Amino acid sequence: MRAFVNGSIGPPFRSAGVLVEGDRIATVASDDTIRALAKERGAEVVDLEGGTLLPGFQDAHVHLYLAGQYEARLDLGAARTLADVHRAIRAFAARTTGPVLHAYGLDETQLDEKRLPTHDELSAAVNDRPLVVFRVCRHVAVLNGRALASVPAEFAHVDREAGRVEEQSLFRLEKEVFVPTRDDRRAWIRNGEKIAFSLGITTVHEIKGAGVAEAYRAMAADGSLRMRVFYFLYGEWEDALQMRDRFDGLPIHFGGYKIFADGTIGAETAAVHEPYAGGGCGSLVRDDRDLNVLFTKAARAGMPLMCHAIGDRAIDQLLRVRLEAGGEIPFLRMEHVEMMREESLPSVLRGAWRLCLQPNFAHQWQGPGGFYEARLGAARARGMNRIRSWHAAGVPVAFGSDGMPIDPVYGIRAAREHPNPDERFSWEDAFALYSRAPESFVQSGGDAGVIAEGKRADLNWVRVPHQEIHAMRTEDIRLTLAGGEVVHER
């Protein structure tokens, strides 16, 4: 039991104290009342020292498992030349004993050469073990010779001359080719929890396949899972139905079924109406008939759907086919939605869509002279990620990081510093979309995201007073509670 006094709580911000009992906020009252209750009940008193108590962050689209996995992999995000890439890979191979090498975070737009390494270049760097190098979007990877030789011939989206693997075939690599052990998966989930807790995140909407879902389920069953998780399964429909039943009664939530309508701008596989600067219009993952069947099944099964769509053509397909299919799908949501056209907005409202958006994408890649402009042209780049306009139009919106990076404080800053001044949020509104709003994407009523009696004790003590909260940094988070348990301290 803990009592928090001598600070502010919110938002909305006010001077008050909080008493936590078990996993719940038991009382919100004046400091004097909270101190008296603490003395009566033997609670530990925590002096906020004039700081602020906030609800825990919720990341509505994250890959916690991958974040933990990356701890054992090579981060190429700082590379600025192909020579940097090769040096880093060789050094990583020299100090790593695992049977397969993985690297991630490579952004060719940040390299002097403006391209990904080739298959031959990776084979020259490492030839004694398989090596898989993921582009930052995780929808494209380049493989060395050892890794490519392990990819089954029937895999689609594989350029064997270039050593390039994309989209669904890339997702199948871990599931079918380079399969982690049970202990690996549990360790990576624990690593991911530590990373998220250190950033003040207390709830995640996690996305992965059936194998990882089973690892989460086992940890929830044995009590070792500390993060509040809503799990969205990508893979086979039957796996989603089965896992929903297997999660029942455990301290983990089944969020829904994840599908892809298209790919990414980085891979030029996001489906667009007008061609990319280099040609091509990307591709749709499903045809209209398959999508209609899926919407119909989801409505009949009461299965929430999480639908990835970045390009305007993929977004329009989802909106059109959803209205044609009819029926009610609970908590229907679309992810990213970066290129939605203004004329598509009425269909979003009619189809009862929720939009999970990533302001960090706009902040990193949408500015003048940036990556989106290079791939799509200045006019289209300027019109992307109209997040505040959509929110103001009444569309339910929540923020998620997609792991690029996993940092809500950065995400809030990105929303406040959108490249388009018309799309910028206040701190309070951006915070709500990273705390309270994600709750409404997965359940009615909500159990967290606000400081109120009876709600989950998911809390962050921030060193700065509420008058300066807009300038808070991640390092200012002094203490994080998840379900009343201290999960991180600075």
Protein backbone atom coordinates (compact mmCIF):
# COMPACT_ATOMS: atom_id res chain seq x y z
CA MET A 1 0.00 0.00 0.00
CA ARG A 2 1.36 3.44 -0.99
CA ALA A 3 0.23 6.99 -0.47
CA PHE A 4 1.36 9.78 -2.84
CA VAL A 5 1.32 13.33 -1.48
CA ASN A 6 2.85 16.78 -1.95
CA GLY A 7 2.35 17.11 -5.69
CA SER A 8 -0.20 17.40 -8.45
CA ILE A 9 -2.21 14.74 -10.26
CA GLY A 10 -3.86 14.75 -13.65
CA PRO A 11 -4.70 15.64 -16.25
CA PRO A 12 -6.83 17.58 -15.52
CA PHE A 13 -4.21 18.89 -13.13
CA ARG A 14 -5.03 19.66 -9.53
CA SER A 15 -3.39 19.42 -6.11
CA ALA A 16 -4.39 16.10 -4.56
CA GLY A 17 -3.01 12.94 -3.06
CA VAL A 18 -3.58 9.31 -4.05
CA LEU A 19 -3.80 6.14 -1.99
CA VAL A 20 -3.02 2.86 -3.77
CA GLU A 21 -4.22 -0.46 -2.35
CA GLY A 22 -3.35 -3.63 -4.21
CA ASP A 23 -3.68 -3.01 -7.93
CA ARG A 24 -6.24 -0.19 -7.54
CA ILE A 25 -6.43 3.50 -6.83
CA ALA A 26 -8.36 3.39 -3.56
CA THR A 27 -8.72 7.08 -2.75
CA VAL A 28 -8.12 10.46 -4.41
CA ALA A 29 -8.37 13.26 -1.85
CA SER A 30 -6.53 16.09 -0.18
CA ASP A 31 -3.02 15.48 1.12
CA ASP A 32 -4.27 15.68 4.70
CA THR A 33 -6.87 13.00 4.07
CA ILE A 34 -4.38 10.74 2.29
CA ARG A 35 -1.80 11.15 5.07
CA ALA A 36 -4.42 10.24 7.69
CA LEU A 37 -5.48 7.15 5.72
CA ALA A 38 -1.83 6.16 5.26
CA LYS A 39 -1.20 6.38 8.99
CA GLU A 40 -4.37 4.44 9.77
CA ARG A 41 -3.61 1.66 7.31
CA GLY A 42 0.16 1.52 7.58
CA ALA A 43 0.82 2.65 4.02
CA GLU A 44 4.21 3.80 2.74
CA VAL A 45 4.10 7.55 2.11
CA VAL A 46 5.77 8.74 -1.09
CA ASP A 47 6.63 12.45 -1.22
CA LEU A 48 6.15 13.67 -4.80
CA GLU A 49 8.42 16.63 -3.98
CA GLY A 50 6.23 19.02 -5.94
CA GLY A 51 6.21 16.78 -8.99
CA THR A 52 3.31 15.30 -10.93
CA LEU A 53 1.53 11.97 -10.84
CA LEU A 54 0.32 10.90 -14.29
CA PRO A 55 -1.55 7.84 -15.56
CA GLY A 56 0.74 5.25 -17.13
CA PHE A 57 1.30 5.48 -20.86
CA GLN A 58 -0.47 3.04 -23.17
CA ASP A 59 1.13 2.18 -26.52
CA ALA A 60 -1.67 1.24 -28.90
CA HIS A 61 0.60 -0.35 -31.52
CA VAL A 62 3.91 -1.78 -30.44
CA HIS A 63 6.12 -4.82 -30.87
CA LEU A 64 7.27 -5.44 -27.32
CA TYR A 65 8.61 -8.88 -28.15
CA LEU A 66 10.70 -7.46 -30.98
CA ALA A 67 12.03 -4.70 -28.73
CA GLY A 68 13.23 -7.34 -26.30
CA GLN A 69 14.58 -9.43 -29.15
CA TYR A 70 16.59 -6.48 -30.44
CA GLU A 71 18.59 -6.50 -27.20
CA ALA A 72 20.33 -9.60 -28.56
CA ARG A 73 20.67 -8.21 -32.10
CA LEU A 74 22.69 -5.59 -33.92
CA ASP A 75 21.27 -2.07 -34.13
CA LEU A 76 22.25 -0.43 -37.43
CA GLY A 77 20.23 2.73 -36.87
CA ALA A 78 23.36 4.87 -36.46
CA ALA A 79 25.00 3.71 -39.72
CA ARG A 80 25.65 6.49 -42.23
CA THR A 81 27.61 4.63 -44.90
CA LEU A 82 27.70 1.07 -46.20
CA ALA A 83 31.21 0.86 -44.76
CA ASP A 84 29.66 1.58 -41.33
CA VAL A 85 27.22 -1.27 -41.92
CA HIS A 86 29.95 -3.72 -42.89
CA ARG A 87 32.19 -2.80 -39.95
CA ALA A 88 29.35 -3.12 -37.47
CA ILE A 89 28.29 -6.51 -38.86
CA ARG A 90 31.83 -7.90 -38.73
CA ALA A 91 32.32 -6.71 -35.16
CA PHE A 92 28.94 -8.15 -34.12
CA ALA A 93 29.75 -11.51 -35.73
CA ALA A 94 33.10 -11.61 -33.92
CA ARG A 95 31.51 -11.21 -30.48
CA THR A 96 28.33 -13.24 -31.06
CA THR A 97 28.19 -17.03 -30.88
CA GLY A 98 24.59 -17.67 -31.97
CA PRO A 99 23.80 -19.82 -34.99
CA VAL A 100 21.97 -17.00 -36.81
CA LEU A 101 22.83 -13.30 -36.89
CA HIS A 102 20.17 -10.61 -37.09
CA ALA A 103 20.51 -6.85 -37.53
CA TYR A 104 17.75 -4.28 -37.51
CA GLY A 105 17.01 -0.57 -37.85
CA LEU A 106 18.84 0.03 -41.13
CA ASP A 107 17.51 3.11 -42.93
CA GLU A 108 19.08 3.47 -46.35
CA THR A 109 17.80 7.04 -46.62
CA GLN A 110 20.35 7.92 -43.92
CA LEU A 111 23.25 6.29 -45.79
CA ASP A 112 25.47 8.26 -48.13
CA GLU A 113 24.89 5.61 -50.80
CA LYS A 114 21.06 5.82 -50.42
CA ARG A 115 20.64 2.08 -50.87
CA LEU A 116 20.52 -1.14 -48.88
CA PRO A 117 23.52 -3.47 -48.94
CA THR A 118 23.47 -6.22 -51.54
CA HIS A 119 23.39 -9.95 -50.96
CA ASP A 120 27.01 -10.22 -52.11
CA GLU A 121 28.15 -7.45 -49.76
CA LEU A 122 26.54 -9.16 -46.78
CA SER A 123 28.07 -12.50 -47.77
CA ALA A 124 31.47 -10.83 -47.90
CA ALA A 125 30.94 -9.49 -44.39
CA VAL A 126 29.73 -12.82 -42.90
CA ASN A 127 29.86 -16.17 -44.64
CA ASP A 128 30.02 -18.71 -41.81
CA ARG A 129 26.43 -18.21 -40.53
CA PRO A 130 23.08 -16.96 -41.80
CA LEU A 131 22.71 -13.16 -41.57
CA VAL A 132 19.41 -11.30 -41.86
CA VAL A 133 19.49 -7.48 -42.04
CA PHE A 134 16.11 -5.79 -41.54
CA ARG A 135 15.25 -2.40 -42.94
CA VAL A 136 13.88 -0.01 -40.28
CA CYS A 137 10.27 -0.67 -41.38
CA ARG A 138 10.71 -4.43 -40.81
CA HIS A 139 8.89 -5.17 -44.07
CA VAL A 140 12.12 -5.67 -46.05
CA ALA A 141 15.32 -7.55 -45.28
CA VAL A 142 18.50 -8.45 -47.13
CA LEU A 143 20.03 -11.88 -46.51
CA ASN A 144 23.52 -13.22 -46.98
CA GLY A 145 24.14 -16.46 -48.88
CA ARG A 146 23.82 -18.76 -45.86
CA ALA A 147 20.48 -17.25 -44.87
CA LEU A 148 19.10 -17.19 -48.41
CA ALA A 149 19.93 -20.86 -48.89
CA SER A 150 17.60 -21.65 -45.97
CA VAL A 151 14.57 -19.87 -47.48
CA PRO A 152 12.20 -22.43 -49.04
CA ALA A 153 11.71 -22.19 -52.79
CA GLU A 154 7.96 -21.72 -52.43
CA PHE A 155 8.30 -18.46 -50.48
CA ALA A 156 6.93 -15.51 -52.45
CA HIS A 157 8.34 -11.96 -52.39
CA VAL A 158 11.92 -13.25 -52.56
CA ASP A 159 14.48 -11.77 -54.96
CA ARG A 160 17.16 -14.44 -54.88
CA GLU A 161 19.63 -12.52 -57.00
CA ALA A 162 19.49 -9.48 -54.71
CA GLY A 163 18.97 -11.55 -51.55
CA ARG A 164 15.94 -9.41 -50.71
CA VAL A 165 12.88 -10.76 -48.86
CA GLU A 166 9.70 -8.75 -48.34
CA GLU A 167 6.36 -8.71 -46.55
CA GLN A 168 4.68 -12.04 -45.73
CA SER A 169 7.70 -14.15 -46.59
CA LEU A 170 9.78 -12.09 -44.22
CA PHE A 171 7.28 -12.67 -41.43
CA ARG A 172 7.46 -16.40 -42.12
CA LEU A 173 11.21 -16.57 -41.57
CA GLU A 174 10.97 -16.68 -37.78
CA LYS A 175 7.88 -18.84 -37.82
CA GLU A 176 9.23 -21.50 -40.17
CA VAL A 177 12.96 -21.08 -40.85
CA PHE A 178 14.91 -19.44 -38.03
CA VAL A 179 12.68 -20.56 -35.16
CA PRO A 180 13.56 -19.30 -31.65
CA THR A 181 13.46 -21.57 -28.61
CA ARG A 182 10.80 -21.30 -25.91
CA ASP A 183 13.37 -19.85 -23.52
CA ASP A 184 14.44 -17.27 -26.11
CA ARG A 185 10.89 -16.06 -26.49
CA ARG A 186 10.32 -15.73 -22.76
CA ALA A 187 13.61 -13.87 -22.32
CA TRP A 188 12.74 -11.44 -25.12
CA ILE A 189 9.32 -10.74 -23.60
CA ARG A 190 10.97 -9.99 -20.25
CA ASN A 191 13.47 -7.70 -21.98
CA GLY A 192 10.62 -5.94 -23.76
CA GLU A 193 8.79 -5.40 -20.48
CA LYS A 194 11.86 -3.80 -18.92
CA ILE A 195 12.27 -1.43 -21.85
CA ALA A 196 8.60 -0.41 -21.81
CA PHE A 197 8.48 0.07 -18.05
CA SER A 198 11.60 2.26 -18.22
CA LEU A 199 9.64 4.54 -20.57
CA GLY A 200 6.59 4.74 -18.32
CA ILE A 201 4.48 2.37 -20.44
CA THR A 202 2.08 0.21 -18.44
CA THR A 203 -0.22 -1.18 -21.17
CA VAL A 204 0.66 -2.39 -24.67
CA HIS A 205 -1.24 -3.54 -27.72
CA GLU A 206 1.18 -6.25 -28.81
CA ILE A 207 1.24 -7.79 -32.29
CA LYS A 208 2.81 -11.09 -33.33
CA GLY A 209 2.01 -14.66 -34.35
CA ALA A 210 0.71 -17.77 -32.64
CA GLY A 211 4.09 -18.96 -31.33
CA VAL A 212 4.76 -15.73 -29.49
CA ALA A 213 1.13 -15.62 -28.31
CA GLU A 214 1.66 -19.00 -26.66
CA ALA A 215 4.77 -17.68 -24.88
CA TYR A 216 2.76 -14.73 -23.55
CA ARG A 217 -0.06 -17.07 -22.51
CA ALA A 218 2.34 -19.33 -20.60
CA MET A 219 3.89 -16.36 -18.79
CA ALA A 220 0.45 -15.01 -17.88
CA ALA A 221 -0.51 -18.46 -16.57
CA ASP A 222 2.56 -18.83 -14.35
CA GLY A 223 2.41 -15.25 -13.07
CA SER A 224 5.65 -14.03 -14.63
CA LEU A 225 4.01 -11.57 -17.06
CA ARG A 226 3.91 -8.12 -15.42
CA MET A 227 2.89 -5.94 -18.35
CA ARG A 228 -0.81 -5.39 -19.10
CA VAL A 229 -1.08 -6.83 -22.61
CA PHE A 230 -3.77 -6.78 -25.28
CA TYR A 231 -2.54 -9.27 -27.87
CA PHE A 232 -3.35 -9.01 -31.58
CA LEU A 233 -2.54 -12.16 -33.51
CA TYR A 234 -1.17 -12.05 -37.03
CA GLY A 235 -1.34 -15.35 -38.90
CA GLU A 236 -4.07 -17.89 -39.47
CA TRP A 237 -7.70 -17.11 -38.67
CA GLU A 238 -8.10 -20.43 -36.86
CA ASP A 239 -5.13 -19.60 -34.63
CA ALA A 240 -6.85 -16.37 -33.60
CA LEU A 241 -10.05 -18.19 -32.66
CA GLN A 242 -8.13 -20.78 -30.65
CA MET A 243 -5.88 -18.28 -28.90
CA ARG A 244 -8.86 -16.15 -27.90
CA ASP A 245 -10.20 -19.19 -26.05
CA ARG A 246 -6.78 -20.05 -24.57
CA PHE A 247 -6.39 -16.54 -23.13
CA ASP A 248 -9.77 -16.73 -21.42
CA GLY A 249 -9.54 -16.46 -17.63
CA LEU A 250 -5.87 -15.42 -17.63
CA PRO A 251 -4.32 -12.04 -16.77
CA ILE A 252 -3.77 -11.25 -20.45
CA HIS A 253 -6.28 -9.97 -22.98
CA PHE A 254 -6.90 -11.13 -26.53
CA GLY A 255 -7.17 -7.94 -28.57
CA GLY A 256 -8.13 -9.28 -31.98
CA TYR A 257 -6.90 -10.45 -35.38
CA LYS A 258 -4.30 -8.46 -37.35
CA ILE A 259 -4.27 -8.25 -41.15
CA PHE A 260 -2.29 -6.33 -43.75
CA ALA A 261 -3.97 -4.47 -46.59
CA ASP A 262 -0.63 -3.33 -48.04
CA GLY A 263 3.04 -2.84 -47.17
CA THR A 264 5.19 0.22 -46.46
CA ILE A 265 6.42 3.34 -48.21
CA GLY A 266 10.02 2.35 -47.51
CA ALA A 267 9.58 -0.92 -49.39
CA GLU A 268 7.37 0.82 -51.97
CA THR A 269 4.78 -1.87 -51.29
CA ALA A 270 2.18 0.47 -49.75
CA ALA A 271 -0.68 0.50 -52.29
CA VAL A 272 -1.06 3.99 -53.81
CA HIS A 273 -3.31 5.44 -56.50
CA GLU A 274 -0.52 7.41 -58.17
CA PRO A 275 2.95 5.92 -58.80
CA TYR A 276 5.96 6.35 -56.59
CA ALA A 277 8.69 8.69 -57.83
CA GLY A 278 10.61 5.62 -58.98
CA GLY A 279 7.57 3.98 -60.58
CA GLY A 280 5.09 1.36 -59.43
CA CYS A 281 1.99 1.68 -57.26
CA GLY A 282 2.70 -0.93 -54.58
CA SER A 283 0.34 -3.84 -54.09
CA LEU A 284 -2.79 -4.88 -52.24
CA VAL A 285 -2.36 -7.95 -50.04
CA ARG A 286 -5.94 -9.19 -50.49
CA ASP A 287 -8.48 -8.86 -53.26
CA ASP A 288 -11.95 -7.48 -52.55
CA ARG A 289 -13.57 -10.89 -52.33
CA ASP A 290 -11.13 -12.23 -49.73
CA LEU A 291 -11.48 -9.05 -47.71
CA ASN A 292 -15.28 -9.25 -47.84
CA VAL A 293 -15.17 -12.84 -46.59
CA LEU A 294 -12.89 -11.81 -43.73
CA PHE A 295 -15.13 -8.92 -42.65
CA THR A 296 -18.13 -11.23 -42.72
CA LYS A 297 -16.35 -13.88 -40.62
CA ALA A 298 -15.19 -11.28 -38.13
CA ALA A 299 -18.72 -9.93 -37.69
CA ARG A 300 -20.14 -13.41 -37.15
CA ALA A 301 -17.40 -14.36 -34.68
CA GLY A 302 -17.41 -11.04 -32.83
CA MET A 303 -13.70 -10.80 -33.61
CA PRO A 304 -12.06 -7.34 -33.42
CA LEU A 305 -9.90 -6.55 -36.44
CA MET A 306 -6.67 -4.55 -36.64
CA CYS A 307 -6.04 -3.60 -40.29
CA HIS A 308 -2.68 -2.24 -41.48
CA ALA A 309 -3.10 0.26 -44.31
CA ILE A 310 -0.66 3.01 -45.31
CA GLY A 311 -1.29 3.80 -48.98
CA ASP A 312 -4.42 5.62 -50.14
CA ARG A 313 -5.43 2.76 -52.43
CA ALA A 314 -5.29 0.23 -49.57
CA ILE A 315 -7.19 2.58 -47.25
CA ASP A 316 -9.91 3.09 -49.84
CA GLN A 317 -10.19 -0.65 -50.41
CA LEU A 318 -10.72 -1.31 -46.70
CA LEU A 319 -13.30 1.46 -46.41
CA ARG A 320 -15.22 0.36 -49.51
CA VAL A 321 -15.30 -3.36 -48.80
CA ARG A 322 -16.16 -2.80 -45.14
CA LEU A 323 -19.33 -0.91 -46.12
CA GLU A 324 -20.20 -3.57 -48.70
CA ALA A 325 -19.78 -6.40 -46.19
CA GLY A 326 -21.99 -4.87 -43.50
CA GLY A 327 -22.44 -6.41 -40.08
CA GLU A 328 -20.95 -5.21 -36.81
CA ILE A 329 -17.28 -5.77 -36.03
CA PRO A 330 -16.30 -4.82 -32.47
CA PHE A 331 -13.40 -2.41 -32.04
CA LEU A 332 -12.65 -2.24 -35.76
CA ARG A 333 -9.42 -0.34 -36.27
CA MET A 334 -7.04 0.77 -38.99
CA GLU A 335 -3.32 1.24 -38.36
CA HIS A 336 -1.04 3.99 -39.72
CA VAL A 337 -3.47 5.42 -42.33
CA GLU A 338 -0.77 7.84 -43.44
CA MET A 339 -2.05 8.64 -46.92
CA MET A 340 -5.80 8.83 -46.36
CA ARG A 341 -7.47 11.31 -48.70
CA GLU A 342 -9.89 13.94 -47.47
CA GLU A 343 -12.75 12.46 -49.49
CA SER A 344 -12.31 9.14 -47.68
CA LEU A 345 -13.10 10.57 -44.23
CA PRO A 346 -16.91 10.12 -44.43
CA SER A 347 -16.42 6.39 -45.05
CA VAL A 348 -14.26 6.16 -41.93
CA LEU A 349 -17.12 7.57 -39.89
CA ARG A 350 -19.80 5.45 -41.59
CA GLY A 351 -17.74 2.29 -41.13
CA ALA A 352 -17.18 2.99 -37.39
CA TRP A 353 -13.41 2.79 -37.76
CA ARG A 354 -10.92 3.66 -35.06
CA LEU A 355 -7.57 4.99 -36.26
CA CYS A 356 -4.30 4.10 -34.56
CA LEU A 357 -1.76 6.67 -35.71
CA GLN A 358 2.00 7.22 -35.38
CA PRO A 359 2.97 10.92 -35.07
CA ASN A 360 6.59 9.75 -34.84
CA PHE A 361 6.42 8.72 -38.52
CA ALA A 362 5.46 12.23 -39.59
CA HIS A 363 8.09 13.77 -37.34
CA GLN A 364 10.90 11.65 -38.76
CA TRP A 365 10.07 11.38 -42.46
CA GLN A 366 7.44 13.90 -43.58
CA GLY A 367 9.25 17.23 -43.40
CA PRO A 368 10.42 19.24 -46.45
CA GLY A 369 13.18 17.39 -48.29
CA GLY A 370 12.47 14.26 -46.27
CA PHE A 371 12.04 10.62 -47.11
CA TYR A 372 8.32 10.79 -47.95
CA GLU A 373 8.89 13.70 -50.29
CA ALA A 374 11.61 11.74 -52.10
CA ARG A 375 9.36 8.70 -52.57
CA LEU A 376 6.02 10.42 -53.22
CA GLY A 377 6.67 14.04 -54.23
CA ALA A 378 6.25 17.22 -52.23
CA ALA A 379 2.49 17.65 -52.72
CA ARG A 380 1.55 14.17 -51.52
CA ALA A 381 4.03 14.31 -48.65
CA ARG A 382 2.53 17.56 -47.35
CA GLY A 383 -0.95 16.03 -47.31
CA MET A 384 -0.06 12.96 -45.26
CA ASN A 385 -0.79 12.15 -41.61
CA ARG A 386 -3.67 14.61 -41.07
CA ILE A 387 -3.95 13.33 -37.52
CA ARG A 388 -5.38 16.40 -35.80
CA SER A 389 -7.90 17.02 -38.59
CA TRP A 390 -9.20 13.47 -38.34
CA HIS A 391 -9.39 13.70 -34.56
CA ALA A 392 -11.25 17.02 -34.79
CA ALA A 393 -13.72 15.46 -37.26
CA GLY A 394 -14.84 13.02 -34.59
CA VAL A 395 -12.88 9.94 -35.60
CA PRO A 396 -11.69 7.91 -32.57
CA VAL A 397 -7.89 8.23 -32.57
CA ALA A 398 -5.17 6.69 -30.42
CA PHE A 399 -1.39 6.85 -30.68
CA GLY A 400 1.03 3.95 -30.95
CA SER A 401 4.75 3.93 -31.62
CA ASP A 402 5.11 0.87 -33.86
CA GLY A 403 8.46 0.66 -32.09
CA MET A 404 10.00 3.53 -34.08
CA PRO A 405 10.96 4.42 -31.37
CA ILE A 406 9.10 3.00 -28.38
CA ASP A 407 8.94 6.24 -26.41
CA PRO A 408 5.63 7.98 -25.62
CA VAL A 409 7.35 11.19 -24.57
CA TYR A 410 8.94 11.38 -28.01
CA GLY A 411 5.58 10.51 -29.60
CA ILE A 412 3.88 13.35 -27.75
CA ARG A 413 6.60 15.76 -28.87
CA ALA A 414 6.18 14.50 -32.44
CA ALA A 415 2.44 15.24 -32.30
CA ARG A 416 3.17 18.76 -30.99
CA GLU A 417 5.81 19.36 -33.70
CA HIS A 418 4.01 17.89 -36.72
CA PRO A 419 5.61 19.17 -39.97
CA ASN A 420 2.22 20.64 -40.90
CA PRO A 421 1.40 23.34 -38.33
CA ASP A 422 -2.34 22.75 -38.86
CA GLU A 423 -1.93 19.19 -37.57
CA ARG A 424 -0.17 19.96 -34.28
CA PHE A 425 -1.63 18.89 -30.94
CA SER A 426 -1.53 20.48 -27.52
CA TRP A 427 0.40 18.53 -24.89
CA GLU A 428 -2.82 17.63 -23.07
CA ASP A 429 -4.55 16.27 -26.18
CA ALA A 430 -1.49 14.32 -27.29
CA PHE A 431 -1.08 12.85 -23.81
CA ALA A 432 -4.71 11.70 -23.81
CA LEU A 433 -4.11 9.81 -27.07
CA TYR A 434 -1.14 8.05 -25.47
CA SER A 435 -2.89 7.23 -22.18
CA ARG A 436 -6.69 7.22 -22.07
CA ALA A 437 -7.60 6.78 -25.76
CA PRO A 438 -5.95 3.36 -26.34
CA GLU A 439 -8.18 1.93 -23.64
CA SER A 440 -11.26 2.64 -25.76
CA PHE A 441 -9.76 0.71 -28.68
CA VAL A 442 -9.94 -2.60 -26.80
CA GLN A 443 -12.73 -2.47 -24.25
CA SER A 444 -15.79 -0.49 -23.29
CA GLY A 445 -15.64 1.64 -20.17
CA GLY A 446 -11.92 1.33 -19.62
CA ASP A 447 -9.96 0.28 -16.57
CA ALA A 448 -6.92 2.56 -16.79
CA GLY A 449 -5.62 5.73 -18.37
CA VAL A 450 -7.02 8.13 -15.74
CA ILE A 451 -6.36 8.80 -12.07
CA ALA A 452 -9.69 7.98 -10.44
CA GLU A 453 -10.89 5.81 -7.61
CA GLY A 454 -11.39 2.20 -8.60
CA LYS A 455 -9.13 2.39 -11.65
CA ARG A 456 -5.93 0.39 -12.07
CA ALA A 457 -2.95 1.83 -10.26
CA ASP A 458 -0.90 2.35 -13.42
CA LEU A 459 0.99 5.52 -12.58
CA ASN A 460 4.07 7.59 -13.37
CA TRP A 461 5.66 9.97 -10.89
CA VAL A 462 7.30 12.73 -12.92
CA ARG A 463 9.81 15.03 -11.25
CA VAL A 464 8.55 18.25 -12.90
CA PRO A 465 5.58 20.28 -11.62
CA HIS A 466 2.46 20.18 -13.76
CA GLN A 467 3.00 23.78 -14.89
CA GLU A 468 6.11 22.54 -16.74
CA ILE A 469 4.79 19.15 -17.80
CA HIS A 470 4.90 20.03 -21.51
CA ALA A 471 8.71 20.06 -21.22
CA MET A 472 8.99 16.69 -19.47
CA ARG A 473 11.61 14.23 -20.67
CA THR A 474 11.58 10.46 -20.36
CA GLU A 475 14.39 10.84 -17.80
CA ASP A 476 12.02 12.87 -15.60
CA ILE A 477 9.93 9.76 -14.85
CA ARG A 478 11.05 8.95 -11.31
CA LEU A 479 8.82 5.96 -10.54
CA THR A 480 6.43 3.74 -12.51
CA LEU A 481 3.69 1.57 -11.04
CA ALA A 482 1.88 -1.14 -13.02
CA GLY A 483 -1.10 -2.62 -11.24
CA GLY A 484 0.17 -1.09 -8.00
CA GLU A 485 3.59 -2.74 -8.30
CA VAL A 486 6.76 -0.68 -8.67
CA VAL A 487 8.19 -1.80 -11.99
CA HIS A 488 10.79 0.91 -12.60
CA GLU A 489 12.69 3.51 -10.56
CA ARG A 490 15.23 6.17 -11.50
